[in-house]
Amino acid sequence: MDGTIPIENNRLALKRVIVAIAAMAGLGGAATAVKRSLYLVILRLLRPAELAVRRLIIASARGIVVTLPPLQKSKKLKPGTIKPSDNPRFSLFDPQAPFSVRLPFRPQRDRRRKTPKTLPRVWALGMPVPVSIPKPKPVSPDDLIDLTKLTRRLTALDRALDDLPGQARRFARWQKRQQAGRVTPGSPLRLGPPRGCRLTRFDPGARRRRNVREIDEILIHCHALARYALDYPDTS
């Protein structure tokens, strides 16, 4: 299976999605914040795009042969020496679910924290009368959200697409380290279908439903390419 043409088609489609996200956020101008309602809409496009790019990298790494350098003794860094880089690095792995969620045969109780209706008031004998603490302001869709983190994620996504062969070699090196026992064994993809995708399998002949977006079709196609690359590695 030669996935060169599907990979390139999906890469170009994801580039269009990135341009659309940047236009929605107003990153081409002087915008530094957007309303919460718009921010959530952008995240619903950005998260599937990140998952699709990650799977595109895995599909591109199929058949790449790399050689690992010898192991070197790691140097201990002093506290405070690590600073945020101006060139954010794209993550090659899906955010994994907690261990209890990965085991469907061990159901867990719903432990979501409920919003307290009253605030705690501590007072002891001899202390002045406690001052009433106002309740926090409720979340509003019109609240402004800073775009710094979103810009870094979008930049890392765009650079990963521009350097897809380099990212594929990076993933191939990780696979080689895993085979050599240098890293903890595991899968780079989360169990099950991609999170947030409105499709569960790739079927090009199926009729598109109303609630299915273009990013869903791109993501499920990239997921099929990545699963094929992981299940049937090119050992020639």
Protein backbone atom coordinates (compact mmCIF):
# COMPACT_ATOMS: atom_id res chain seq x y z
CA MET A 1 0.00 0.00 0.00
CA ASP A 2 1.57 3.28 -1.15
CA GLY A 3 0.12 6.09 0.90
CA THR A 4 2.10 8.93 -0.66
CA ILE A 5 -0.83 10.48 -2.53
CA PRO A 6 -3.38 10.16 0.33
CA ILE A 7 -0.83 11.61 2.78
CA GLU A 8 -0.16 14.61 0.55
CA ASN A 9 -3.87 15.20 -0.08
CA ASN A 10 -4.60 15.15 3.64
CA ARG A 11 -1.61 17.40 4.32
CA LEU A 12 -2.94 20.04 1.94
CA ALA A 13 -6.43 19.72 3.42
CA LEU A 14 -5.04 20.24 6.93
CA LYS A 15 -3.13 23.30 5.76
CA ARG A 16 -6.46 24.78 4.66
CA VAL A 17 -7.93 23.98 8.08
CA ILE A 18 -5.04 25.79 9.79
CA VAL A 19 -5.59 28.86 7.61
CA ALA A 20 -9.28 28.81 8.50
CA ILE A 21 -8.52 28.56 12.23
CA ALA A 22 -6.04 31.43 12.04
CA ALA A 23 -8.61 33.56 10.23
CA MET A 24 -11.27 32.76 12.83
CA ALA A 25 -8.93 33.80 15.65
CA GLY A 26 -7.79 36.92 13.81
CA LEU A 27 -4.12 35.93 14.12
CA GLY A 28 -3.27 37.75 10.92
CA GLY A 29 -4.02 41.07 12.59
CA ALA A 30 -3.35 42.48 16.03
CA ALA A 31 -5.81 40.27 17.94
CA THR A 32 -4.50 39.04 21.31
CA ALA A 33 -7.73 37.66 22.78
CA VAL A 34 -11.09 36.33 21.62
CA LYS A 35 -14.41 35.68 23.28
CA ARG A 36 -14.83 32.40 25.11
CA SER A 37 -17.61 31.26 22.77
CA LEU A 38 -15.37 31.70 19.72
CA TYR A 39 -12.42 30.15 21.54
CA LEU A 40 -14.40 26.96 22.16
CA VAL A 41 -15.44 26.80 18.50
CA ILE A 42 -11.78 27.09 17.49
CA LEU A 43 -10.79 24.28 19.87
CA ARG A 44 -13.39 22.00 18.29
CA LEU A 45 -11.45 22.37 15.03
CA LEU A 46 -7.93 22.53 16.43
CA ARG A 47 -8.07 19.33 18.49
CA PRO A 48 -9.15 17.06 15.60
CA ALA A 49 -6.55 18.76 13.39
CA GLU A 50 -3.81 17.93 15.91
CA LEU A 51 -4.96 14.30 16.03
CA ALA A 52 -4.99 14.12 12.22
CA VAL A 53 -1.47 15.55 11.87
CA ARG A 54 -0.20 13.10 14.49
CA ARG A 55 -1.63 10.18 12.49
CA LEU A 56 -0.28 11.60 9.27
CA ILE A 57 3.22 11.59 10.78
CA ILE A 58 2.83 7.95 11.83
CA ALA A 59 1.69 6.98 8.32
CA SER A 60 4.61 8.86 6.78
CA ALA A 61 7.11 7.02 9.01
CA ARG A 62 6.22 3.63 7.52
CA GLY A 63 9.27 2.10 5.86
CA ILE A 64 11.78 4.67 7.17
CA VAL A 65 15.02 3.09 8.43
CA VAL A 66 17.01 4.98 11.05
CA THR A 67 20.11 4.31 13.14
CA LEU A 68 20.28 5.24 16.80
CA PRO A 69 23.36 6.92 18.27
CA PRO A 70 25.05 5.27 21.28
CA LEU A 71 23.61 5.97 24.69
CA GLN A 72 25.07 8.96 26.51
CA LYS A 73 24.94 9.79 30.19
CA SER A 74 22.26 12.39 30.77
CA LYS A 75 23.25 15.62 32.45
CA LYS A 76 21.28 16.93 35.39
CA LEU A 77 19.87 20.38 34.80
CA LYS A 78 19.70 22.95 37.54
CA PRO A 79 16.27 24.20 38.57
CA GLY A 80 15.17 27.17 36.51
CA THR A 81 17.40 26.41 33.51
CA ILE A 82 14.54 25.13 31.32
CA LYS A 83 12.80 27.98 29.53
CA PRO A 84 9.87 27.87 27.10
CA SER A 85 11.15 27.62 23.54
CA ASP A 86 10.21 30.06 20.83
CA ASN A 87 9.83 27.07 18.50
CA PRO A 88 7.13 24.86 20.06
CA ARG A 89 7.56 21.16 19.37
CA PHE A 90 4.63 19.12 18.14
CA SER A 91 3.74 16.13 20.32
CA LEU A 92 3.81 12.74 18.60
CA PHE A 93 1.53 11.02 21.12
CA ASP A 94 -2.15 11.24 21.94
CA PRO A 95 -3.08 12.40 25.44
CA GLN A 96 -3.73 9.12 27.22
CA ALA A 97 -6.78 8.52 29.34
CA PRO A 98 -6.42 7.66 33.05
CA PHE A 99 -5.78 3.98 33.75
CA SER A 100 -9.25 3.47 35.19
CA VAL A 101 -10.82 4.76 31.96
CA ARG A 102 -8.77 2.39 29.81
CA LEU A 103 -10.32 -0.64 31.54
CA PRO A 104 -13.98 -0.90 30.53
CA PHE A 105 -14.50 -3.91 32.79
CA ARG A 106 -13.82 -1.81 35.93
CA PRO A 107 -16.53 0.85 36.04
CA GLN A 108 -15.81 3.85 38.21
CA ARG A 109 -18.18 6.12 40.02
CA ASP A 110 -18.75 9.60 38.69
CA ARG A 111 -16.32 11.69 40.72
CA ARG A 112 -16.77 14.98 38.96
CA ARG A 113 -16.38 17.84 41.38
CA LYS A 114 -19.55 19.74 42.03
CA THR A 115 -19.55 23.51 42.21
CA PRO A 116 -19.89 24.58 45.88
CA LYS A 117 -22.92 26.69 46.62
CA THR A 118 -21.35 28.36 49.65
CA LEU A 119 -17.83 29.49 50.46
CA PRO A 120 -15.97 28.22 53.56
CA ARG A 121 -15.77 30.63 56.49
CA VAL A 122 -13.19 29.93 59.20
CA TRP A 123 -13.55 31.66 62.56
CA ALA A 124 -12.16 31.01 66.02
CA LEU A 125 -12.86 32.48 69.45
CA GLY A 126 -11.15 35.82 69.86
CA MET A 127 -10.86 36.53 66.15
CA PRO A 128 -12.66 39.47 64.55
CA VAL A 129 -15.87 38.84 62.71
CA PRO A 130 -14.99 37.24 59.36
CA VAL A 131 -15.53 39.37 56.32
CA SER A 132 -17.90 37.91 53.79
CA ILE A 133 -16.09 36.72 50.67
CA PRO A 134 -17.88 37.45 47.41
CA LYS A 135 -18.63 34.51 45.16
CA PRO A 136 -16.50 34.16 42.03
CA LYS A 137 -17.83 35.72 38.88
CA PRO A 138 -19.72 33.16 36.77
CA VAL A 139 -18.24 32.13 33.46
CA SER A 140 -19.66 34.07 30.53
CA PRO A 141 -19.43 33.35 26.78
CA ASP A 142 -18.29 36.96 26.35
CA ASP A 143 -15.22 36.56 28.56
CA LEU A 144 -11.95 37.23 26.74
CA ILE A 145 -9.43 34.37 26.43
CA ASP A 146 -5.77 35.05 25.73
CA LEU A 147 -4.47 33.64 22.43
CA THR A 148 -0.88 32.91 23.52
CA LYS A 149 -1.31 29.16 24.07
CA LEU A 150 -3.53 28.81 21.01
CA THR A 151 -0.91 30.56 18.87
CA ARG A 152 1.83 28.21 20.08
CA ARG A 153 -0.28 25.14 19.34
CA LEU A 154 -1.18 26.42 15.89
CA THR A 155 2.46 27.28 15.15
CA ALA A 156 3.63 23.81 16.17
CA LEU A 157 0.90 22.26 14.02
CA ASP A 158 1.80 24.32 10.96
CA ARG A 159 5.53 23.62 11.27
CA ALA A 160 4.89 19.90 11.66
CA LEU A 161 2.96 19.87 8.38
CA ASP A 162 5.70 21.85 6.62
CA ASP A 163 8.34 19.39 7.86
CA LEU A 164 6.41 16.13 7.56
CA PRO A 165 9.46 14.02 6.49
CA GLY A 166 11.46 15.32 9.44
CA GLN A 167 8.64 14.55 11.85
CA ALA A 168 8.31 11.08 10.33
CA ARG A 169 12.03 10.42 10.95
CA ARG A 170 11.54 11.64 14.50
CA PHE A 171 8.75 9.11 15.01
CA ALA A 172 10.84 6.36 13.37
CA ARG A 173 13.63 7.07 15.87
CA TRP A 174 11.13 6.70 18.72
CA GLN A 175 9.99 3.35 17.30
CA LYS A 176 13.63 2.24 17.08
CA ARG A 177 14.23 3.23 20.71
CA GLN A 178 11.12 1.32 21.72
CA GLN A 179 12.32 -1.80 19.92
CA ALA A 180 15.70 -1.44 21.66
CA GLY A 181 14.02 -1.18 25.05
CA ARG A 182 15.15 2.38 25.71
CA VAL A 183 11.63 3.76 26.22
CA THR A 184 8.53 2.44 27.94
CA PRO A 185 6.51 0.23 25.57
CA GLY A 186 3.14 1.56 24.55
CA SER A 187 1.08 2.86 21.67
CA PRO A 188 1.32 6.46 20.44
CA LEU A 189 -2.42 6.42 19.72
CA ARG A 190 -5.20 6.40 22.24
CA LEU A 191 -7.40 3.30 22.38
CA GLY A 192 -10.49 3.34 20.21
CA PRO A 193 -11.50 5.84 17.54
CA PRO A 194 -10.06 9.36 17.59
CA ARG A 195 -11.51 11.43 20.38
CA GLY A 196 -13.93 14.11 19.18
CA CYS A 197 -14.34 12.58 15.73
CA ARG A 198 -17.92 12.17 14.51
CA LEU A 199 -17.00 9.12 12.42
CA THR A 200 -15.96 5.73 13.74
CA ARG A 201 -14.51 4.23 10.54
CA PHE A 202 -13.23 5.31 7.16
CA ASP A 203 -15.78 4.60 4.42
CA PRO A 204 -15.21 6.75 1.28
CA GLY A 205 -18.39 5.45 -0.35
CA ALA A 206 -20.69 6.37 2.51
CA ARG A 207 -23.00 9.35 2.28
CA ARG A 208 -21.98 12.27 4.46
CA ARG A 209 -24.33 12.95 7.35
CA ARG A 210 -25.37 16.46 8.22
CA ASN A 211 -23.40 16.66 11.44
CA VAL A 212 -20.16 15.37 9.88
CA ARG A 213 -17.54 18.04 9.16
CA GLU A 214 -14.66 18.00 6.70
CA ILE A 215 -12.18 17.73 9.57
CA ASP A 216 -13.94 14.54 10.72
CA GLU A 217 -13.42 12.92 7.30
CA ILE A 218 -9.78 14.02 7.23
CA LEU A 219 -9.17 12.70 10.74
CA ILE A 220 -10.77 9.29 10.21
CA HIS A 221 -8.84 8.84 6.94
CA CYS A 222 -5.56 9.74 8.65
CA HIS A 223 -6.47 7.35 11.46
CA ALA A 224 -6.93 4.51 8.97
CA LEU A 225 -3.53 5.28 7.39
CA ALA A 226 -1.83 5.36 10.81
CA ARG A 227 -3.43 2.11 11.96
CA TYR A 228 -2.30 0.40 8.76
CA ALA A 229 1.25 1.71 9.26
CA LEU A 230 1.36 0.43 12.85
CA ASP A 231 -0.29 -2.93 12.17
CA TYR A 232 1.61 -3.69 8.95
CA PRO A 233 5.08 -2.13 9.18
CA ASP A 234 7.26 -2.11 6.06
CA THR A 235 10.17 -4.42 6.91
CA SER A 236 11.64 -4.57 3.41
